[in-house]
PDB file of all heavy atoms in Angstrom:
ATOM      1  N   ILE A   1       4.137 -17.712 -40.460  1.00  0.00           N
ATOM      2  CA  ILE A   1       4.777 -16.414 -40.272  1.00  0.00           C
ATOM      3  C   ILE A   1       3.716 -15.335 -40.148  1.00  0.00           C
ATOM      4  O   ILE A   1       2.808 -15.248 -40.976  1.00  0.00           O
ATOM      5  CB  ILE A   1       5.705 -16.077 -41.469  1.00  0.00           C
ATOM      6  CG1 ILE A   1       6.729 -17.179 -41.683  1.00  0.00           C
ATOM      7  CG2 ILE A   1       6.353 -14.712 -41.276  1.00  0.00           C
ATOM      8  CD1 ILE A   1       7.687 -17.412 -40.553  1.00  0.00           C
ATOM      9  N   ILE A   2       3.857 -14.514 -39.128  1.00  0.00           N
ATOM     10  CA  ILE A   2       3.006 -13.343 -38.964  1.00  0.00           C
ATOM     11  C   ILE A   2       3.930 -12.139 -38.944  1.00  0.00           C
ATOM     12  O   ILE A   2       4.917 -12.118 -38.207  1.00  0.00           O
ATOM     13  CB  ILE A   2       2.175 -13.397 -37.658  1.00  0.00           C
ATOM     14  CG1 ILE A   2       1.186 -14.570 -37.705  1.00  0.00           C
ATOM     15  CG2 ILE A   2       1.391 -12.108 -37.453  1.00  0.00           C
ATOM     16  CD1 ILE A   2       1.630 -15.730 -36.922  1.00  0.00           C
ATOM     17  N   VAL A   3       3.609 -11.151 -39.771  1.00  0.00           N
ATOM     18  CA  VAL A   3       4.403  -9.932 -39.846  1.00  0.00           C
ATOM     19  C   VAL A   3       3.556  -8.784 -39.328  1.00  0.00           C
ATOM     20  O   VAL A   3       2.456  -8.535 -39.821  1.00  0.00           O
ATOM     21  CB  VAL A   3       4.861  -9.647 -41.296  1.00  0.00           C
ATOM     22  CG1 VAL A   3       5.594  -8.312 -41.382  1.00  0.00           C
ATOM     23  CG2 VAL A   3       5.731 -10.780 -41.809  1.00  0.00           C
ATOM     24  N   GLY A   4       4.078  -8.101 -38.334  1.00  0.00           N
ATOM     25  CA  GLY A   4       3.457  -6.891 -37.816  1.00  0.00           C
ATOM     26  C   GLY A   4       4.315  -5.715 -38.222  1.00  0.00           C
ATOM     27  O   GLY A   4       5.539  -5.812 -38.240  1.00  0.00           O
ATOM     28  N   ALA A   5       3.687  -4.592 -38.566  1.00  0.00           N
ATOM     29  CA  ALA A   5       4.454  -3.463 -39.061  1.00  0.00           C
ATOM     30  C   ALA A   5       4.027  -2.154 -38.417  1.00  0.00           C
ATOM     31  O   ALA A   5       2.841  -1.930 -38.169  1.00  0.00           O
ATOM     32  CB  ALA A   5       4.324  -3.356 -40.568  1.00  0.00           C
ATOM     33  N   ARG A   6       5.014  -1.341 -38.197  1.00  0.00           N
ATOM     34  CA  ARG A   6       4.798   0.034 -37.763  1.00  0.00           C
ATOM     35  C   ARG A   6       4.672   0.865 -39.035  1.00  0.00           C
ATOM     36  O   ARG A   6       5.529   0.805 -39.912  1.00  0.00           O
ATOM     37  CB  ARG A   6       5.999   0.488 -36.947  1.00  0.00           C
ATOM     38  CG  ARG A   6       5.909   1.864 -36.402  1.00  0.00           C
ATOM     39  CD  ARG A   6       7.187   2.174 -35.632  1.00  0.00           C
ATOM     40  NE  ARG A   6       7.048   3.415 -34.882  1.00  0.00           N
ATOM     41  CZ  ARG A   6       8.058   4.249 -34.675  1.00  0.00           C
ATOM     42  NH1 ARG A   6       9.267   3.957 -35.122  1.00  0.00           N
ATOM     43  NH2 ARG A   6       7.863   5.352 -33.991  1.00  0.00           N
ATOM     44  N   ASN A   7       3.603   1.626 -39.154  1.00  0.00           N
ATOM     45  CA  ASN A   7       3.376   2.440 -40.341  1.00  0.00           C
ATOM     46  C   ASN A   7       4.285   3.661 -40.276  1.00  0.00           C
ATOM     47  O   ASN A   7       3.909   4.708 -39.779  1.00  0.00           O
ATOM     48  CB  ASN A   7       1.912   2.847 -40.444  1.00  0.00           C
ATOM     49  CG  ASN A   7       1.587   3.465 -41.783  1.00  0.00           C
ATOM     50  OD1 ASN A   7       2.416   3.512 -42.681  1.00  0.00           O
ATOM     51  ND2 ASN A   7       0.360   3.942 -41.915  1.00  0.00           N
ATOM     52  N   LYS A   8       5.509   3.479 -40.757  1.00  0.00           N
ATOM     53  CA  LYS A   8       6.518   4.536 -40.718  1.00  0.00           C
ATOM     54  C   LYS A   8       7.106   4.673 -42.110  1.00  0.00           C
ATOM     55  O   LYS A   8       7.506   3.685 -42.722  1.00  0.00           O
ATOM     56  CB  LYS A   8       7.616   4.175 -39.721  1.00  0.00           C
ATOM     57  CG  LYS A   8       8.729   5.172 -39.654  1.00  0.00           C
ATOM     58  CD  LYS A   8       9.814   4.749 -38.697  1.00  0.00           C
ATOM     59  CE  LYS A   8      10.876   5.838 -38.702  1.00  0.00           C
ATOM     60  NZ  LYS A   8      12.008   5.515 -37.886  1.00  0.00           N
ATOM     61  N   GLU A   9       7.162   5.905 -42.592  1.00  0.00           N
ATOM     62  CA  GLU A   9       7.705   6.203 -43.909  1.00  0.00           C
ATOM     63  C   GLU A   9       7.068   5.300 -44.954  1.00  0.00           C
ATOM     64  O   GLU A   9       5.866   5.313 -45.096  1.00  0.00           O
ATOM     65  CB  GLU A   9       9.231   6.132 -43.880  1.00  0.00           C
ATOM     66  CG  GLU A   9       9.831   7.159 -42.935  1.00  0.00           C
ATOM     67  CD  GLU A   9      11.239   6.853 -42.477  1.00  0.00           C
ATOM     68  OE1 GLU A   9      11.779   5.788 -42.794  1.00  0.00           O
ATOM     69  OE2 GLU A   9      11.800   7.713 -41.770  1.00  0.00           O
ATOM     70  N   PHE A  10       7.823   4.471 -45.660  1.00  0.00           N
ATOM     71  CA  PHE A  10       7.272   3.646 -46.735  1.00  0.00           C
ATOM     72  C   PHE A  10       7.339   2.154 -46.417  1.00  0.00           C
ATOM     73  O   PHE A  10       7.408   1.317 -47.318  1.00  0.00           O
ATOM     74  CB  PHE A  10       7.965   3.954 -48.072  1.00  0.00           C
ATOM     75  CG  PHE A  10       9.459   3.983 -47.988  1.00  0.00           C
ATOM     76  CD1 PHE A  10      10.203   2.843 -48.192  1.00  0.00           C
ATOM     77  CD2 PHE A  10      10.119   5.167 -47.681  1.00  0.00           C
ATOM     78  CE1 PHE A  10      11.581   2.864 -48.101  1.00  0.00           C
ATOM     79  CE2 PHE A  10      11.502   5.202 -47.584  1.00  0.00           C
ATOM     80  CZ  PHE A  10      12.242   4.050 -47.798  1.00  0.00           C
ATOM     81  N   THR A  11       7.285   1.810 -45.137  1.00  0.00           N
ATOM     82  CA  THR A  11       7.330   0.408 -44.717  1.00  0.00           C
ATOM     83  C   THR A  11       6.210  -0.410 -45.345  1.00  0.00           C
ATOM     84  O   THR A  11       6.443  -1.496 -45.897  1.00  0.00           O
ATOM     85  CB  THR A  11       7.253   0.302 -43.185  1.00  0.00           C
ATOM     86  OG1 THR A  11       8.321   1.061 -42.617  1.00  0.00           O
ATOM     87  CG2 THR A  11       7.325  -1.127 -42.725  1.00  0.00           C
ATOM     88  N   ILE A  12       5.002   0.074 -45.269  1.00  0.00           N
ATOM     89  CA  ILE A  12       3.841  -0.667 -45.767  1.00  0.00           C
ATOM     90  C   ILE A  12       3.930  -0.853 -47.278  1.00  0.00           C
ATOM     91  O   ILE A  12       3.620  -1.937 -47.793  1.00  0.00           O
ATOM     92  CB  ILE A  12       2.524   0.046 -45.367  1.00  0.00           C
ATOM     93  CG1 ILE A  12       2.454   0.271 -43.850  1.00  0.00           C
ATOM     94  CG2 ILE A  12       1.314  -0.733 -45.868  1.00  0.00           C
ATOM     95  CD1 ILE A  12       2.697  -0.957 -42.999  1.00  0.00           C
ATOM     96  N   GLU A  13       4.387   0.167 -47.995  1.00  0.00           N
ATOM     97  CA  GLU A  13       4.544   0.056 -49.438  1.00  0.00           C
ATOM     98  C   GLU A  13       5.548  -1.040 -49.799  1.00  0.00           C
ATOM     99  O   GLU A  13       5.348  -1.796 -50.757  1.00  0.00           O
ATOM    100  CB  GLU A  13       4.971   1.395 -50.045  1.00  0.00           C
ATOM    101  CG  GLU A  13       3.873   2.444 -50.053  1.00  0.00           C
ATOM    102  CD  GLU A  13       3.686   3.145 -48.705  1.00  0.00           C
ATOM    103  OE1 GLU A  13       4.481   2.916 -47.763  1.00  0.00           O
ATOM    104  OE2 GLU A  13       2.715   3.907 -48.590  1.00  0.00           O
ATOM    105  N   LEU A  14       6.645  -1.136 -49.047  1.00  0.00           N
ATOM    106  CA  LEU A  14       7.630  -2.187 -49.294  1.00  0.00           C
ATOM    107  C   LEU A  14       7.050  -3.574 -49.039  1.00  0.00           C
ATOM    108  O   LEU A  14       7.279  -4.505 -49.815  1.00  0.00           O
ATOM    109  CB  LEU A  14       8.870  -1.982 -48.423  1.00  0.00           C
ATOM    110  CG  LEU A  14       9.858  -0.925 -48.878  1.00  0.00           C
ATOM    111  CD1 LEU A  14      10.944  -0.733 -47.820  1.00  0.00           C
ATOM    112  CD2 LEU A  14      10.472  -1.307 -50.215  1.00  0.00           C
ATOM    113  N   LEU A  15       6.317  -3.713 -47.949  1.00  0.00           N
ATOM    114  CA  LEU A  15       5.697  -5.008 -47.644  1.00  0.00           C
ATOM    115  C   LEU A  15       4.749  -5.418 -48.769  1.00  0.00           C
ATOM    116  O   LEU A  15       4.728  -6.581 -49.183  1.00  0.00           O
ATOM    117  CB  LEU A  15       4.965  -4.946 -46.305  1.00  0.00           C
ATOM    118  CG  LEU A  15       5.859  -4.838 -45.076  1.00  0.00           C
ATOM    119  CD1 LEU A  15       5.040  -4.460 -43.847  1.00  0.00           C
ATOM    120  CD2 LEU A  15       6.616  -6.132 -44.841  1.00  0.00           C
ATOM    121  N   LYS A  16       3.987  -4.467 -49.276  1.00  0.00           N
ATOM    122  CA  LYS A  16       3.081  -4.757 -50.393  1.00  0.00           C
ATOM    123  C   LYS A  16       3.861  -5.104 -51.658  1.00  0.00           C
ATOM    124  O   LYS A  16       3.489  -6.025 -52.386  1.00  0.00           O
ATOM    125  CB  LYS A  16       2.156  -3.566 -50.648  1.00  0.00           C
ATOM    126  CG  LYS A  16       1.114  -3.371 -49.570  1.00  0.00           C
ATOM    127  CD  LYS A  16       0.255  -2.146 -49.842  1.00  0.00           C
ATOM    128  CE  LYS A  16      -0.752  -1.936 -48.739  1.00  0.00           C
ATOM    129  NZ  LYS A  16      -1.555  -0.714 -48.955  1.00  0.00           N
ATOM    130  N   LYS A  17       4.946  -4.372 -51.916  1.00  0.00           N
ATOM    131  CA  LYS A  17       5.764  -4.624 -53.111  1.00  0.00           C
ATOM    132  C   LYS A  17       6.287  -6.063 -53.123  1.00  0.00           C
ATOM    133  O   LYS A  17       6.328  -6.705 -54.175  1.00  0.00           O
ATOM    134  CB  LYS A  17       6.942  -3.657 -53.155  1.00  0.00           C
ATOM    135  CG  LYS A  17       7.887  -3.909 -54.304  1.00  0.00           C
ATOM    136  CD  LYS A  17       9.085  -2.991 -54.271  1.00  0.00           C
ATOM    137  CE  LYS A  17      10.016  -3.378 -55.419  1.00  0.00           C
ATOM    138  NZ  LYS A  17      11.218  -2.587 -55.448  1.00  0.00           N
ATOM    139  N   TYR A  18       6.670  -6.575 -51.953  1.00  0.00           N
ATOM    140  CA  TYR A  18       7.205  -7.929 -51.861  1.00  0.00           C
ATOM    141  C   TYR A  18       6.119  -8.961 -51.537  1.00  0.00           C
ATOM    142  O   TYR A  18       6.418 -10.093 -51.194  1.00  0.00           O
ATOM    143  CB  TYR A  18       8.334  -7.983 -50.830  1.00  0.00           C
ATOM    144  CG  TYR A  18       9.537  -7.182 -51.243  1.00  0.00           C
ATOM    145  CD1 TYR A  18       9.956  -6.094 -50.510  1.00  0.00           C
ATOM    146  CD2 TYR A  18      10.240  -7.506 -52.404  1.00  0.00           C
ATOM    147  CE1 TYR A  18      11.063  -5.351 -50.892  1.00  0.00           C
ATOM    148  CE2 TYR A  18      11.342  -6.765 -52.799  1.00  0.00           C
ATOM    149  CZ  TYR A  18      11.749  -5.688 -52.046  1.00  0.00           C
ATOM    150  OH  TYR A  18      12.845  -4.945 -52.432  1.00  0.00           O
ATOM    151  N   ASN A  19       4.851  -8.560 -51.654  1.00  0.00           N
ATOM    152  CA  ASN A  19       3.703  -9.450 -51.422  1.00  0.00           C
ATOM    153  C   ASN A  19       3.775 -10.141 -50.061  1.00  0.00           C
ATOM    154  O   ASN A  19       3.510 -11.342 -49.953  1.00  0.00           O
ATOM    155  CB  ASN A  19       3.588 -10.486 -52.544  1.00  0.00           C
ATOM    156  CG  ASN A  19       3.288  -9.844 -53.870  1.00  0.00           C
ATOM    157  OD1 ASN A  19       2.435  -8.976 -53.972  1.00  0.00           O
ATOM    158  ND2 ASN A  19       4.012 -10.252 -54.898  1.00  0.00           N
ATOM    159  N   MET A  20       4.131  -9.391 -49.044  1.00  0.00           N
ATOM    160  CA  MET A  20       4.232  -9.936 -47.695  1.00  0.00           C
ATOM    161  C   MET A  20       2.960  -9.582 -46.917  1.00  0.00           C
ATOM    162  O   MET A  20       2.659  -8.400 -46.706  1.00  0.00           O
ATOM    163  CB  MET A  20       5.462  -9.374 -46.985  1.00  0.00           C
ATOM    164  CG  MET A  20       6.759  -9.775 -47.666  1.00  0.00           C
ATOM    165  SD  MET A  20       8.215  -8.929 -47.005  1.00  0.00           S
ATOM    166  CE  MET A  20       8.263  -9.606 -45.361  1.00  0.00           C
ATOM    167  N   ASP A  21       2.208 -10.619 -46.546  1.00  0.00           N
ATOM    168  CA  ASP A  21       1.039 -10.378 -45.709  1.00  0.00           C
ATOM    169  C   ASP A  21       1.509  -9.750 -44.410  1.00  0.00           C
ATOM    170  O   ASP A  21       2.531 -10.150 -43.845  1.00  0.00           O
ATOM    171  CB  ASP A  21       0.312 -11.685 -45.417  1.00  0.00           C
ATOM    172  CG  ASP A  21      -0.368 -12.246 -46.658  1.00  0.00           C
ATOM    173  OD1 ASP A  21      -0.728 -11.457 -47.553  1.00  0.00           O
ATOM    174  OD2 ASP A  21      -0.527 -13.482 -46.728  1.00  0.00           O
ATOM    175  N   HIS A  22       0.754  -8.783 -43.913  1.00  0.00           N
ATOM    176  CA  HIS A  22       1.167  -8.079 -42.708  1.00  0.00           C
ATOM    177  C   HIS A  22      -0.050  -7.476 -42.004  1.00  0.00           C
ATOM    178  O   HIS A  22      -1.119  -7.351 -42.590  1.00  0.00           O
ATOM    179  CB  HIS A  22       2.165  -6.967 -43.042  1.00  0.00           C
ATOM    180  CG  HIS A  22       1.603  -5.946 -43.983  1.00  0.00           C
ATOM    181  ND1 HIS A  22       1.562  -6.151 -45.351  1.00  0.00           N
ATOM    182  CD2 HIS A  22       1.037  -4.744 -43.761  1.00  0.00           C
ATOM    183  CE1 HIS A  22       1.002  -5.099 -45.920  1.00  0.00           C
ATOM    184  NE2 HIS A  22       0.660  -4.237 -44.979  1.00  0.00           N
ATOM    185  N   VAL A  23       0.181  -7.140 -40.767  1.00  0.00           N
ATOM    186  CA  VAL A  23      -0.812  -6.444 -39.945  1.00  0.00           C
ATOM    187  C   VAL A  23      -0.184  -5.128 -39.524  1.00  0.00           C
ATOM    188  O   VAL A  23       0.952  -5.108 -39.031  1.00  0.00           O
ATOM    189  CB  VAL A  23      -1.149  -7.270 -38.684  1.00  0.00           C
ATOM    190  CG1 VAL A  23      -2.078  -6.510 -37.769  1.00  0.00           C
ATOM    191  CG2 VAL A  23      -1.721  -8.611 -39.060  1.00  0.00           C
ATOM    192  N   ILE A  24      -0.893  -4.037 -39.742  1.00  0.00           N
ATOM    193  CA  ILE A  24      -0.377  -2.750 -39.276  1.00  0.00           C
ATOM    194  C   ILE A  24      -0.665  -2.658 -37.782  1.00  0.00           C
ATOM    195  O   ILE A  24      -1.816  -2.718 -37.358  1.00  0.00           O
ATOM    196  CB  ILE A  24      -1.019  -1.580 -40.037  1.00  0.00           C
ATOM    197  CG1 ILE A  24      -0.656  -1.668 -41.520  1.00  0.00           C
ATOM    198  CG2 ILE A  24      -0.562  -0.245 -39.435  1.00  0.00           C
ATOM    199  CD1 ILE A  24      -1.321  -0.634 -42.393  1.00  0.00           C
ATOM    200  N   LEU A  25       0.408  -2.536 -37.017  1.00  0.00           N
ATOM    201  CA  LEU A  25       0.265  -2.463 -35.565  1.00  0.00           C
ATOM    202  C   LEU A  25      -0.030  -1.037 -35.106  1.00  0.00           C
ATOM    203  O   LEU A  25      -0.922  -0.824 -34.288  1.00  0.00           O
ATOM    204  CB  LEU A  25       1.531  -2.979 -34.882  1.00  0.00           C
ATOM    205  CG  LEU A  25       1.880  -4.437 -35.155  1.00  0.00           C
ATOM    206  CD1 LEU A  25       3.246  -4.767 -34.574  1.00  0.00           C
ATOM    207  CD2 LEU A  25       0.813  -5.349 -34.581  1.00  0.00           C
TER     208      LEU A  25
END
């Protein structure tokens, strides 16, 4: 699984809270 994220509002904080590896696109 690869998760890409748009840095919008608190998206990145949620991904970190749930320990989800991600790449900020």
